[in-house]
């Protein structure tokens, strides 16, 4: 199964979003209900926040054992997080809103920042300021004490990264392949032009800017303009993280795997596995001894930076209702299973995955699961799901068959894979 088009930002824009819900108790939701898109570590290392395509913001203890709190407030996927001075967090959603959460957490944010016209792609905080990057083509510099933001315009297309350089300069990265600085007095500065979309940005304590691109390269731009490159394969990157002292730099993306380099020498220190699953978010502990990673698996993983070993690793849960079913089809379905359950939730319980469940799929009319907030196109209900219509969906693509859908834009080009998936769905979704 391949995702189209290949650019990371377009892929994220197409992902599903579930309806808003009231906060749920931590014990009711040990995992996110969809892929995890964002991580942020509190400055003291006492808590880590995660945000997912299920609209949830979770707070975790350092051992990642069980979430301390789970809140669903954003109307769409949570795509960006930043730790705030004083222990709180800022979260940004595909709904274009930014929520400021107090250190103690809560069901509703202490403050809401609105003004962006599209999804929030990145957040960065420093001192009294919060910097936001958005797919609406702008960035905004928000005073955390209150007041109107400064709107930063100049990128051509989506703004995908945000950071404060060591000297305090707000910097953004964009799908136009540029890095731009925004001084308080004076015109914007074009810091670099790379010619390829940039997907993540962070600042190192020595004044270096690290920018990740769709070509799998991390570009290190020194304060004097000198550039270096680190290569993490050829797949697009989605996440960067660095230790507070700048000694370690990590990168990951939808191609799977996590790469960790020692700086300043640029030596690859660890190549960490992710079971072939996309990794969307990274965060280092303040002391640099642990790296947290998350993505399509819906759970947070931690790695020891001395050895590269996974901490507290447990065997992956068995695939849902796979025993005795078509194993080839089960493997193809794995990409779908991040957002869809094969069975309906128990009566009276919410379905915690990002997409509607698939129980009784064949013969069911599109958009007919009660209580699920379908996109306008799917809510019309003018398609009945059969082997033929499901095959058509993944042959021409959801963006063609159901334009406007929030479903990932993906197709299946292999006839054997398609046949296996249809066999598996027929077996596994029977009521």
Protein backbone atom coordinates (compact mmCIF):
# COMPACT_ATOMS: atom_id res chain seq x y z
CA UNK A 1 0.00 0.00 0.00
CA UNK A 2 1.45 3.35 -0.92
CA UNK A 3 0.41 6.86 0.14
CA UNK A 4 -0.12 9.55 -2.48
CA UNK A 5 0.92 12.26 -3.02
CA UNK A 6 4.34 11.72 -1.47
CA UNK A 7 4.78 15.01 0.37
CA UNK A 8 4.41 14.63 4.10
CA UNK A 9 2.24 17.69 4.63
CA UNK A 10 -0.34 16.53 2.09
CA UNK A 11 -0.44 13.12 3.72
CA UNK A 12 -1.11 14.65 7.14
CA UNK A 13 -3.83 16.91 5.79
CA UNK A 14 -5.78 13.89 4.56
CA UNK A 15 -5.80 12.00 7.85
CA UNK A 16 -9.00 11.24 9.69
CA UNK A 17 -10.33 13.29 12.58
CA UNK A 18 -12.86 12.00 15.07
CA UNK A 19 -15.71 14.00 16.68
CA UNK A 20 -14.96 16.09 19.73
CA UNK A 21 -15.56 14.30 22.99
CA UNK A 22 -15.49 14.94 26.70
CA UNK A 23 -12.29 14.09 28.58
CA UNK A 24 -12.10 10.44 29.59
CA UNK A 25 -10.46 8.87 32.59
CA UNK A 26 -6.89 7.76 32.05
CA UNK A 27 -7.69 4.15 32.85
CA UNK A 28 -10.19 4.06 29.98
CA UNK A 29 -7.62 4.94 27.32
CA UNK A 30 -4.13 3.44 27.83
CA UNK A 31 -3.25 4.09 24.18
CA UNK A 32 -4.11 6.76 21.68
CA UNK A 33 -7.03 5.95 19.40
CA UNK A 34 -4.97 6.74 16.32
CA UNK A 35 -1.37 7.49 15.33
CA UNK A 36 0.57 9.85 17.62
CA UNK A 37 1.64 13.03 15.83
CA UNK A 38 3.34 15.15 18.53
CA UNK A 39 5.39 14.85 21.71
CA UNK A 40 6.71 17.45 24.16
CA UNK A 41 8.75 16.91 27.32
CA UNK A 42 8.37 19.19 30.33
CA UNK A 43 11.57 21.04 31.18
CA UNK A 44 11.92 19.16 34.46
CA UNK A 45 11.33 15.78 32.80
CA UNK A 46 8.46 15.01 35.13
CA UNK A 47 5.83 14.64 32.42
CA UNK A 48 5.59 14.15 28.69
CA UNK A 49 2.64 15.23 26.56
CA UNK A 50 1.47 13.38 23.47
CA UNK A 51 -1.04 14.45 20.84
CA UNK A 52 -2.74 12.23 18.29
CA UNK A 53 -5.02 11.94 15.32
CA UNK A 54 -7.73 10.90 17.83
CA UNK A 55 -7.83 14.57 19.00
CA UNK A 56 -6.48 13.56 22.40
CA UNK A 57 -3.78 15.26 24.46
CA UNK A 58 -2.32 12.82 27.00
CA UNK A 59 0.04 13.52 29.89
CA UNK A 60 2.39 10.67 30.87
CA UNK A 61 4.77 10.00 33.76
CA UNK A 62 8.47 9.50 32.97
CA UNK A 63 8.08 5.70 32.90
CA UNK A 64 5.24 5.96 30.34
CA UNK A 65 3.32 3.33 32.32
CA UNK A 66 -0.17 4.81 32.09
CA UNK A 67 -1.40 8.27 31.13
CA UNK A 68 -1.95 10.69 34.00
CA UNK A 69 -4.72 12.45 32.10
CA UNK A 70 -6.50 12.28 28.76
CA UNK A 71 -8.31 15.26 27.27
CA UNK A 72 -10.09 15.63 23.96
CA UNK A 73 -10.71 19.28 23.27
CA UNK A 74 -9.48 19.98 19.76
CA UNK A 75 -12.01 19.52 17.00
CA UNK A 76 -9.50 17.66 14.81
CA UNK A 77 -6.14 15.90 15.08
CA UNK A 78 -3.53 17.29 17.48
CA UNK A 79 -0.45 17.93 15.33
CA UNK A 80 1.89 20.06 17.46
CA UNK A 81 2.94 20.37 21.10
CA UNK A 82 5.37 22.59 22.98
CA UNK A 83 6.36 22.73 26.65
CA UNK A 84 5.64 26.12 28.22
CA UNK A 85 7.56 27.98 30.92
CA UNK A 86 6.08 27.07 34.28
CA UNK A 87 5.29 23.49 33.38
CA UNK A 88 2.28 23.76 31.09
CA UNK A 89 1.94 22.76 27.45
CA UNK A 90 0.64 24.31 24.24
CA UNK A 91 -1.19 22.11 21.73
CA UNK A 92 -2.04 22.90 18.13
CA UNK A 93 -4.65 21.11 16.06
CA UNK A 94 -5.70 20.55 12.48
CA UNK A 95 -8.65 22.76 13.47
CA UNK A 96 -6.27 25.76 13.42
CA UNK A 97 -6.62 26.42 17.16
CA UNK A 98 -3.92 26.54 19.82
CA UNK A 99 -4.69 25.58 23.43
CA UNK A 100 -2.58 26.61 26.41
CA UNK A 101 -2.80 24.01 29.16
CA UNK A 102 -1.88 24.73 32.80
CA UNK A 103 0.79 22.66 34.51
CA UNK A 104 -1.86 20.76 36.46
CA UNK A 105 -3.74 19.81 33.29
CA UNK A 106 -7.50 19.98 33.06
CA UNK A 107 -10.54 19.34 30.92
CA UNK A 108 -10.37 22.72 29.19
CA UNK A 109 -7.42 24.94 28.30
CA UNK A 110 -6.50 28.00 30.32
CA UNK A 111 -6.45 30.03 27.12
CA UNK A 112 -7.23 29.53 23.44
CA UNK A 113 -5.33 31.25 20.63
CA UNK A 114 -7.26 31.63 17.38
CA UNK A 115 -6.50 33.27 14.06
CA UNK A 116 -4.84 30.67 11.87
CA UNK A 117 -6.92 29.61 8.90
CA UNK A 118 -5.63 26.05 8.65
CA UNK A 119 -3.85 23.30 10.57
CA UNK A 120 -1.13 24.09 13.08
CA UNK A 121 2.03 22.32 11.91
CA UNK A 122 4.53 23.28 14.63
CA UNK A 123 4.88 25.18 17.91
CA UNK A 124 7.89 26.57 19.77
CA UNK A 125 8.05 28.44 23.09
CA UNK A 126 10.74 30.66 24.55
CA UNK A 127 10.40 33.02 27.49
CA UNK A 128 7.27 35.12 27.08
CA UNK A 129 6.57 34.06 23.49
CA UNK A 130 4.96 31.23 21.55
CA UNK A 131 5.69 30.76 17.85
CA UNK A 132 3.20 28.88 15.67
CA UNK A 133 3.56 27.62 12.09
CA UNK A 134 0.50 26.82 10.00
CA UNK A 135 -0.52 25.30 6.71
CA UNK A 136 -2.33 28.59 5.99
CA UNK A 137 1.04 29.97 4.84
CA UNK A 138 1.67 32.15 7.89
CA UNK A 139 3.36 31.98 11.27
CA UNK A 140 2.31 33.88 14.36
CA UNK A 141 4.25 35.17 17.35
CA UNK A 142 1.98 35.13 20.40
CA UNK A 143 2.67 36.96 23.69
CA UNK A 144 2.00 34.38 26.39
CA UNK A 145 0.90 37.13 28.76
CA UNK A 146 -1.97 37.99 26.40
CA UNK A 147 -2.58 40.32 23.52
CA UNK A 148 -2.70 40.20 19.75
CA UNK A 149 -0.13 38.12 17.87
CA UNK A 150 2.33 39.35 15.32
CA UNK A 151 1.47 37.77 11.95
CA UNK A 152 4.54 36.62 10.00
CA UNK A 153 4.02 36.41 6.22
CA UNK A 154 6.50 35.59 3.51
CA UNK A 155 6.55 31.85 2.90
CA UNK A 156 5.06 30.56 -0.33
CA UNK A 157 2.87 27.69 0.80
CA UNK A 158 2.61 25.80 4.06
CA UNK A 159 4.78 26.80 7.02
CA UNK A 160 5.98 23.55 8.52
CA UNK A 161 8.54 24.31 11.23
CA UNK A 162 9.05 26.76 14.08
CA UNK A 163 11.97 27.42 16.42
CA UNK A 164 13.69 30.16 18.40
CA UNK A 165 17.36 30.43 17.51
CA UNK A 166 19.79 30.59 20.43
CA UNK A 167 19.92 34.40 20.13
CA UNK A 168 16.11 34.55 20.42
CA UNK A 169 15.35 35.09 16.72
CA UNK A 170 12.05 33.42 15.69
CA UNK A 171 12.71 31.16 12.70
CA UNK A 172 10.32 29.23 10.45
CA UNK A 173 10.69 26.55 7.79
CA UNK A 174 8.35 26.00 4.89
CA UNK A 175 7.21 23.76 2.10
CA UNK A 176 8.81 26.35 -0.19
CA UNK A 177 12.19 25.01 0.97
CA UNK A 178 13.22 28.16 2.83
CA UNK A 179 14.22 29.09 6.37
CA UNK A 180 13.17 32.59 7.36
CA UNK A 181 14.04 34.69 10.40
CA UNK A 182 11.73 37.29 11.89
CA UNK A 183 13.57 40.03 13.82
CA UNK A 184 11.55 42.33 16.06
CA UNK A 185 12.92 45.39 14.29
CA UNK A 186 13.55 45.14 10.61
CA UNK A 187 12.39 43.12 7.62
CA UNK A 188 12.26 39.31 7.54
CA UNK A 189 15.53 37.53 6.76
CA UNK A 190 15.87 34.77 4.19
CA UNK A 191 18.30 32.49 6.02
CA UNK A 192 18.48 29.57 3.57
CA UNK A 193 16.93 28.23 0.38
CA UNK A 194 17.07 24.46 -0.07
CA UNK A 195 14.80 23.87 -3.07
CA UNK A 196 12.89 21.02 -1.38
CA UNK A 197 10.06 21.15 1.16
CA UNK A 198 11.29 21.28 4.75
CA UNK A 199 9.24 19.31 7.27
CA UNK A 200 10.66 20.04 10.74
CA UNK A 201 12.89 22.60 12.41
CA UNK A 202 14.72 22.96 15.72
CA UNK A 203 17.39 25.18 17.22
CA UNK A 204 20.57 23.96 18.89
CA UNK A 205 22.17 25.83 21.80
CA UNK A 206 25.27 26.84 19.79
CA UNK A 207 23.13 28.87 17.36
CA UNK A 208 22.84 26.13 14.73
CA UNK A 209 19.47 25.48 13.07
CA UNK A 210 18.57 21.89 12.14
CA UNK A 211 16.04 21.47 9.34
CA UNK A 212 14.61 18.18 8.06
CA UNK A 213 13.46 17.67 4.49
CA UNK A 214 11.45 15.38 2.26
CA UNK A 215 14.70 14.01 0.85
CA UNK A 216 15.71 12.42 4.17
CA UNK A 217 18.42 15.02 4.82
CA UNK A 218 19.00 17.10 7.94
CA UNK A 219 20.62 20.42 7.10
CA UNK A 220 22.61 22.06 9.87
CA UNK A 221 22.88 25.82 9.35
CA UNK A 222 25.51 27.39 11.58
CA UNK A 223 25.24 30.94 12.97
CA UNK A 224 27.81 32.12 10.43
CA UNK A 225 25.90 30.57 7.53
CA UNK A 226 28.04 27.43 7.20
CA UNK A 227 25.95 24.38 6.21
CA UNK A 228 26.43 20.68 6.92
CA UNK A 229 24.25 17.69 6.06
CA UNK A 230 23.34 14.47 7.80
CA UNK A 231 21.52 11.82 5.79
CA UNK A 232 18.82 9.53 7.21
CA UNK A 233 18.12 7.49 4.09
CA UNK A 234 16.00 8.76 1.22
CA UNK A 235 12.52 8.78 2.81
CA UNK A 236 10.91 12.02 4.02
CA UNK A 237 11.47 13.03 7.62
CA UNK A 238 8.72 14.17 9.96
CA UNK A 239 10.35 14.82 13.34
CA UNK A 240 13.52 16.20 14.90
CA UNK A 241 14.63 16.34 18.53
CA UNK A 242 17.81 17.35 20.31
CA UNK A 243 19.09 17.12 23.86
CA UNK A 244 19.15 20.45 25.72
CA UNK A 245 22.95 20.55 25.51
CA UNK A 246 22.89 19.83 21.77
CA UNK A 247 25.05 16.71 22.10
CA UNK A 248 22.51 14.38 20.46
CA UNK A 249 20.23 14.95 17.48
CA UNK A 250 17.46 12.51 16.49
CA UNK A 251 15.35 12.29 13.34
CA UNK A 252 12.53 10.02 12.17
CA UNK A 253 9.77 9.86 9.60
CA UNK A 254 7.03 7.87 7.89
CA UNK A 255 9.56 5.43 6.43
CA UNK A 256 10.20 4.03 9.91
CA UNK A 257 13.30 3.89 12.08
CA UNK A 258 14.90 6.51 14.34
CA UNK A 259 18.39 7.90 13.71
CA UNK A 260 20.50 9.48 16.46
CA UNK A 261 23.73 11.40 15.82
CA UNK A 262 26.40 12.71 18.19
CA UNK A 263 27.19 16.38 17.69
CA UNK A 264 29.22 18.31 16.74
CA UNK A 265 31.10 15.49 14.98
CA UNK A 266 27.96 14.22 13.18
CA UNK A 267 28.65 10.56 13.95
CA UNK A 268 25.65 8.21 13.68
CA UNK A 269 25.31 6.83 17.20
CA UNK A 270 22.12 4.76 17.03
CA UNK A 271 19.79 3.44 14.36
CA UNK A 272 16.72 2.42 16.34
CA UNK A 273 14.00 0.11 14.98
CA UNK A 274 10.30 0.97 14.77
CA UNK A 275 8.97 -2.39 13.49
CA UNK A 276 8.65 -0.80 10.06
CA UNK A 277 6.03 1.64 11.31
CA UNK A 278 6.04 5.41 10.67
CA UNK A 279 7.45 7.58 13.46
CA UNK A 280 5.90 11.05 13.62
CA UNK A 281 7.23 12.50 16.89
CA UNK A 282 10.36 12.53 19.08
CA UNK A 283 11.33 14.05 22.43
CA UNK A 284 14.45 13.77 24.59
CA UNK A 285 14.46 13.70 28.38
CA UNK A 286 16.09 16.86 29.78
CA UNK A 287 19.17 14.93 30.92
CA UNK A 288 19.58 13.33 27.48
CA UNK A 289 19.54 9.77 28.79
CA UNK A 290 16.24 8.77 27.15
CA UNK A 291 14.56 9.37 23.81
CA UNK A 292 10.80 9.00 23.43
CA UNK A 293 9.33 8.17 20.03
CA UNK A 294 5.77 7.69 18.80
CA UNK A 295 3.82 7.30 15.59
CA UNK A 296 1.58 4.79 13.86
CA UNK A 297 1.77 2.25 16.70
CA UNK A 298 -0.37 4.58 18.91
CA UNK A 299 1.92 4.05 21.89
CA UNK A 300 4.98 5.84 23.24
CA UNK A 301 8.34 4.07 23.20
CA UNK A 302 11.48 5.02 25.10
CA UNK A 303 15.11 4.22 24.27
CA UNK A 304 18.21 4.32 26.45
CA UNK A 305 20.75 6.58 24.79
CA UNK A 306 23.77 4.83 26.30
CA UNK A 307 22.92 1.45 24.78
CA UNK A 308 20.18 2.17 22.23
CA UNK A 309 18.00 -0.48 23.90
CA UNK A 310 14.24 -0.06 24.19
CA UNK A 311 13.16 0.63 27.78
CA UNK A 312 10.32 -1.40 29.26
CA UNK A 313 9.64 -3.05 25.93
CA UNK A 314 6.70 -5.42 25.85
CA UNK A 315 5.70 -7.80 23.07
CA UNK A 316 3.38 -6.16 20.57
CA UNK A 317 -0.27 -7.15 21.09
CA UNK A 318 -1.52 -9.78 18.66
CA UNK A 319 -3.32 -8.44 15.57
CA UNK A 320 -7.01 -7.95 16.24
CA UNK A 321 -9.06 -11.05 15.35
CA UNK A 322 -6.36 -12.37 13.02
CA UNK A 323 -6.18 -15.99 14.26
CA UNK A 324 -7.49 -18.31 11.55
CA UNK A 325 -7.95 -15.51 9.05
CA UNK A 326 -6.11 -14.59 5.87
CA UNK A 327 -2.62 -13.61 7.09
CA UNK A 328 -1.66 -11.93 3.80
CA UNK A 329 -4.76 -9.77 4.08
CA UNK A 330 -4.02 -9.09 7.75
CA UNK A 331 -0.64 -7.68 6.79
CA UNK A 332 -2.20 -5.43 4.15
CA UNK A 333 -4.84 -4.32 6.67
CA UNK A 334 -2.19 -3.24 9.17
CA UNK A 335 -2.02 0.23 7.62
CA UNK A 336 -5.80 0.54 8.06
CA UNK A 337 -5.78 -0.81 11.62
CA UNK A 338 -4.14 2.31 13.00
CA UNK A 339 -7.48 4.14 12.57
CA UNK A 340 -10.15 1.43 12.24
CA UNK A 341 -11.30 -1.36 14.57
CA UNK A 342 -12.62 -4.57 13.05
CA UNK A 343 -15.30 -4.87 15.73
CA UNK A 344 -17.84 -2.49 17.22
CA UNK A 345 -17.12 -1.25 20.77
CA UNK A 346 -19.11 -2.75 23.65
CA UNK A 347 -22.51 -1.17 24.15
CA UNK A 348 -22.27 2.11 25.98
CA UNK A 349 -18.55 2.57 25.25
CA UNK A 350 -17.03 4.95 22.74
CA UNK A 351 -14.94 3.74 19.83
CA UNK A 352 -11.54 5.20 20.67
CA UNK A 353 -9.95 4.80 17.26
CA UNK A 354 -9.84 7.72 14.89
CA UNK A 355 -12.02 6.20 12.16
CA UNK A 356 -15.38 4.41 12.29
CA UNK A 357 -15.33 0.70 13.12
CA UNK A 358 -15.62 -1.81 10.27
CA UNK A 359 -17.94 -4.36 11.88
CA UNK A 360 -20.55 -5.49 9.34
CA UNK A 361 -18.74 -3.56 6.62
CA UNK A 362 -19.99 -5.40 3.54
CA UNK A 363 -23.58 -4.48 2.86
CA UNK A 364 -23.34 -1.36 5.06
CA UNK A 365 -24.15 2.03 3.61
CA UNK A 366 -21.38 4.62 3.67
CA UNK A 367 -21.63 7.12 6.52
CA UNK A 368 -24.11 5.08 8.57
CA UNK A 369 -22.36 4.51 11.93
CA UNK A 370 -24.45 6.39 14.48
CA UNK A 371 -22.58 9.06 16.41
CA UNK A 372 -19.56 9.27 14.12
CA UNK A 373 -18.87 12.71 12.63
CA UNK A 374 -18.30 11.84 8.98
CA UNK A 375 -16.99 14.28 6.43
CA UNK A 376 -19.67 15.94 4.30
CA UNK A 377 -18.98 13.63 1.35
CA UNK A 378 -19.23 10.37 3.30
CA UNK A 379 -22.32 11.53 5.20
CA UNK A 380 -24.31 11.45 1.94
CA UNK A 381 -24.45 7.65 2.22
CA UNK A 382 -24.73 7.04 -1.52
CA UNK A 383 -22.28 4.11 -1.63
CA UNK A 384 -22.90 0.63 -0.22
CA UNK A 385 -19.69 -1.12 0.79
CA UNK A 386 -19.12 -4.31 -1.17
CA UNK A 387 -15.98 -6.02 -2.38
CA UNK A 388 -16.34 -4.08 -5.62
CA UNK A 389 -16.80 -0.65 -4.03
CA UNK A 390 -13.98 -1.18 -1.52
CA UNK A 391 -11.71 -2.29 -4.36
CA UNK A 392 -12.68 0.82 -6.31
CA UNK A 393 -11.93 3.01 -3.27
CA UNK A 394 -8.36 1.73 -3.07
CA UNK A 395 -7.81 1.53 -6.82
CA UNK A 396 -8.73 5.09 -7.72
CA UNK A 397 -8.05 6.48 -4.23
CA UNK A 398 -10.32 7.95 -1.53
CA UNK A 399 -9.64 11.47 -2.78
CA UNK A 400 -11.19 10.52 -6.14
CA UNK A 401 -14.03 8.23 -5.02
CA UNK A 402 -15.04 10.34 -2.01
CA UNK A 403 -13.55 13.81 -2.60
CA UNK A 404 -13.28 15.87 0.57
CA UNK A 405 -12.81 12.82 2.76
CA UNK A 406 -10.49 13.00 5.77
CA UNK A 407 -9.32 9.46 4.98
CA UNK A 408 -5.62 9.06 4.11
CA UNK A 409 -5.02 9.26 0.38
CA UNK A 410 -3.78 5.72 -0.29
CA UNK A 411 -4.08 3.16 -3.06
CA UNK A 412 -3.27 -0.53 -3.53
CA UNK A 413 -1.54 -1.24 -6.81
CA UNK A 414 -0.89 -4.94 -6.34
CA UNK A 415 -3.72 -7.29 -7.39
CA UNK A 416 -2.69 -9.99 -4.89
CA UNK A 417 -2.64 -7.47 -2.04
CA UNK A 418 -6.08 -6.20 -3.01
CA UNK A 419 -7.57 -9.69 -3.19
CA UNK A 420 -6.02 -10.62 0.16
CA UNK A 421 -7.36 -7.48 1.83
CA UNK A 422 -10.88 -8.15 0.54
CA UNK A 423 -10.74 -11.75 1.78
CA UNK A 424 -9.55 -10.59 5.19
CA UNK A 425 -12.21 -7.91 5.50
CA UNK A 426 -14.95 -10.35 4.52
CA UNK A 427 -13.79 -12.78 7.22
CA UNK A 428 -12.92 -10.34 9.99
CA UNK A 429 -15.84 -7.88 9.81
CA UNK A 430 -18.70 -10.32 9.92
CA UNK A 431 -21.15 -9.53 12.72
